[in-house]
Structures are given as structure tokens and as C-alpha cells.
Amino acid sequence: MNTLVYLIPITLLLGGLGLATFLWALKSGQCEDLEGASWRVLDDGNDKPEKD
């Protein structure tokens, strides 16, 4: 029973920290470009034209 006195505040603190991090990510635009990363994986970086 004594361990609950420590575990409940730690759980609430970690949950609040996770929620704050999630809200920060939404506010800063981390979830705006959902398809960009998948296209960057397929890009081989040869977009520069060759010099003659």
C-alpha cells in the first residue's frame, strides 16, 4: 500500500509529460507532412542534371 503513494504521482507525472509532448508536437507542425517521409525513402538523390 505504501508503494501506491509513490507510484500514483509518478504515473500522473509521466502521463502529463506524454500529453504535453504530444500537444507540443501538434502545435509545432510535426504531423503536417505524413507522406513526405515515405517519398524521401524512395528518393535516391540523383536529381542533379549531369554536366556535359
N, C-alpha and C. Protein backbone atom coordinates (compact mmCIF):
# COMPACT_ATOMS: atom_id res chain seq x y z
N MET A 1 0.82 -1.19 0.00
CA MET A 1 0.00 0.00 0.00
C MET A 1 0.86 1.25 0.00
N ASN A 2 2.01 1.17 0.62
CA ASN A 2 2.90 2.33 0.67
C ASN A 2 3.50 2.64 -0.70
N THR A 3 3.63 1.62 -1.52
CA THR A 3 4.19 1.87 -2.85
C THR A 3 3.24 2.66 -3.74
N LEU A 4 1.94 2.55 -3.48
CA LEU A 4 0.98 3.31 -4.27
C LEU A 4 1.13 4.81 -4.06
N VAL A 5 1.61 5.19 -2.88
CA VAL A 5 1.83 6.60 -2.59
C VAL A 5 2.90 7.16 -3.52
N TYR A 6 3.84 6.33 -3.94
CA TYR A 6 4.89 6.76 -4.87
C TYR A 6 4.51 6.54 -6.33
N LEU A 7 3.84 5.43 -6.60
CA LEU A 7 3.56 5.07 -7.99
C LEU A 7 2.47 5.93 -8.63
N ILE A 8 1.46 6.31 -7.90
CA ILE A 8 0.38 7.12 -8.48
C ILE A 8 0.88 8.50 -8.91
N PRO A 9 1.62 9.25 -8.09
CA PRO A 9 2.13 10.54 -8.58
C PRO A 9 3.12 10.40 -9.74
N ILE A 10 3.93 9.36 -9.72
CA ILE A 10 4.88 9.15 -10.83
C ILE A 10 4.12 8.86 -12.11
N THR A 11 3.07 8.05 -12.02
CA THR A 11 2.25 7.73 -13.19
C THR A 11 1.57 8.98 -13.73
N LEU A 12 1.02 9.79 -12.85
CA LEU A 12 0.37 11.02 -13.30
C LEU A 12 1.37 11.99 -13.91
N LEU A 13 2.56 12.07 -13.35
CA LEU A 13 3.60 12.94 -13.90
C LEU A 13 4.03 12.48 -15.29
N LEU A 14 4.26 11.18 -15.46
CA LEU A 14 4.68 10.67 -16.77
C LEU A 14 3.55 10.80 -17.80
N GLY A 15 2.32 10.59 -17.39
CA GLY A 15 1.19 10.78 -18.30
C GLY A 15 1.05 12.22 -18.73
N GLY A 16 1.21 13.15 -17.79
CA GLY A 16 1.16 14.57 -18.12
C GLY A 16 2.29 14.98 -19.02
N LEU A 17 3.48 14.42 -18.80
CA LEU A 17 4.63 14.71 -19.65
C LEU A 17 4.39 14.20 -21.07
N GLY A 18 3.82 13.01 -21.19
CA GLY A 18 3.50 12.48 -22.52
C GLY A 18 2.44 13.31 -23.23
N LEU A 19 1.43 13.74 -22.50
CA LEU A 19 0.40 14.58 -23.08
C LEU A 19 0.97 15.93 -23.52
N ALA A 20 1.82 16.52 -22.69
CA ALA A 20 2.43 17.80 -23.05
C ALA A 20 3.31 17.66 -24.29
N THR A 21 4.04 16.56 -24.40
CA THR A 21 4.89 16.32 -25.57
C THR A 21 4.04 16.14 -26.82
N PHE A 22 2.94 15.42 -26.70
CA PHE A 22 2.04 15.22 -27.84
C PHE A 22 1.43 16.54 -28.29
N LEU A 23 0.98 17.36 -27.35
CA LEU A 23 0.39 18.64 -27.71
C LEU A 23 1.43 19.58 -28.33
N TRP A 24 2.67 19.52 -27.84
CA TRP A 24 3.75 20.32 -28.43
C TRP A 24 4.00 19.89 -29.87
N ALA A 25 3.99 18.57 -30.12
CA ALA A 25 4.22 18.07 -31.47
C ALA A 25 3.11 18.53 -32.42
N LEU A 26 1.88 18.53 -31.95
CA LEU A 26 0.78 19.01 -32.79
C LEU A 26 0.90 20.50 -33.07
N LYS A 27 1.26 21.26 -32.05
CA LYS A 27 1.34 22.71 -32.20
C LYS A 27 2.49 23.13 -33.10
N SER A 28 3.60 22.40 -33.06
CA SER A 28 4.78 22.78 -33.84
C SER A 28 4.76 22.24 -35.26
N GLY A 29 3.72 21.50 -35.64
CA GLY A 29 3.59 21.04 -37.02
C GLY A 29 4.33 19.77 -37.34
N GLN A 30 4.58 18.93 -36.35
CA GLN A 30 5.30 17.68 -36.60
C GLN A 30 4.48 16.69 -37.41
N CYS A 31 3.18 16.82 -37.41
CA CYS A 31 2.30 15.86 -38.09
C CYS A 31 1.71 16.43 -39.38
N GLU A 32 2.30 17.46 -39.94
CA GLU A 32 1.75 18.10 -41.12
C GLU A 32 1.99 17.28 -42.39
N ASP A 33 3.20 16.81 -42.61
CA ASP A 33 3.56 16.12 -43.85
C ASP A 33 3.66 14.62 -43.60
N LEU A 34 2.55 13.91 -43.74
CA LEU A 34 2.53 12.49 -43.43
C LEU A 34 3.11 11.64 -44.55
N GLU A 35 3.07 12.13 -45.80
CA GLU A 35 3.56 11.33 -46.92
C GLU A 35 4.98 11.71 -47.34
N GLY A 36 5.51 12.79 -46.86
CA GLY A 36 6.83 13.24 -47.28
C GLY A 36 7.94 12.27 -46.91
N ALA A 37 7.86 11.69 -45.72
CA ALA A 37 8.90 10.76 -45.30
C ALA A 37 8.92 9.50 -46.17
N SER A 38 7.75 9.03 -46.56
CA SER A 38 7.71 7.83 -47.39
C SER A 38 8.29 8.10 -48.77
N TRP A 39 8.12 9.31 -49.31
CA TRP A 39 8.70 9.63 -50.60
C TRP A 39 10.20 9.86 -50.49
N ARG A 40 10.67 10.40 -49.35
CA ARG A 40 12.11 10.61 -49.17
C ARG A 40 12.86 9.29 -49.06
N VAL A 41 12.21 8.25 -48.59
CA VAL A 41 12.85 6.94 -48.51
C VAL A 41 13.14 6.41 -49.91
N LEU A 42 12.24 6.67 -50.85
CA LEU A 42 12.39 6.16 -52.21
C LEU A 42 13.30 7.02 -53.08
N ASP A 43 13.61 8.22 -52.63
CA ASP A 43 14.45 9.14 -53.42
C ASP A 43 15.92 8.71 -53.31
N ASP A 44 16.58 8.55 -54.47
CA ASP A 44 17.98 8.14 -54.44
C ASP A 44 18.95 9.31 -54.50
N GLY A 45 18.47 10.52 -54.64
CA GLY A 45 19.31 11.70 -54.58
C GLY A 45 19.98 12.06 -55.89
N ASN A 46 19.59 11.48 -57.01
CA ASN A 46 20.18 11.77 -58.31
C ASN A 46 19.35 12.76 -59.10
N ASP A 47 18.92 13.82 -58.45
CA ASP A 47 18.07 14.81 -59.11
C ASP A 47 18.89 15.89 -59.85
N LYS A 48 20.17 15.94 -59.63
CA LYS A 48 21.01 16.96 -60.26
C LYS A 48 21.31 16.57 -61.69
N PRO A 49 21.16 17.48 -62.63
CA PRO A 49 21.50 17.15 -64.03
C PRO A 49 23.02 17.01 -64.19
N GLU A 50 23.39 16.11 -65.08
CA GLU A 50 24.81 15.89 -65.32
C GLU A 50 25.36 17.00 -66.23
N LYS A 51 26.59 17.40 -65.97
CA LYS A 51 27.24 18.42 -66.80
C LYS A 51 27.77 17.78 -68.07
N ASP A 52 27.64 18.48 -69.18
CA ASP A 52 28.13 17.95 -70.47
C ASP A 52 29.58 18.24 -70.66
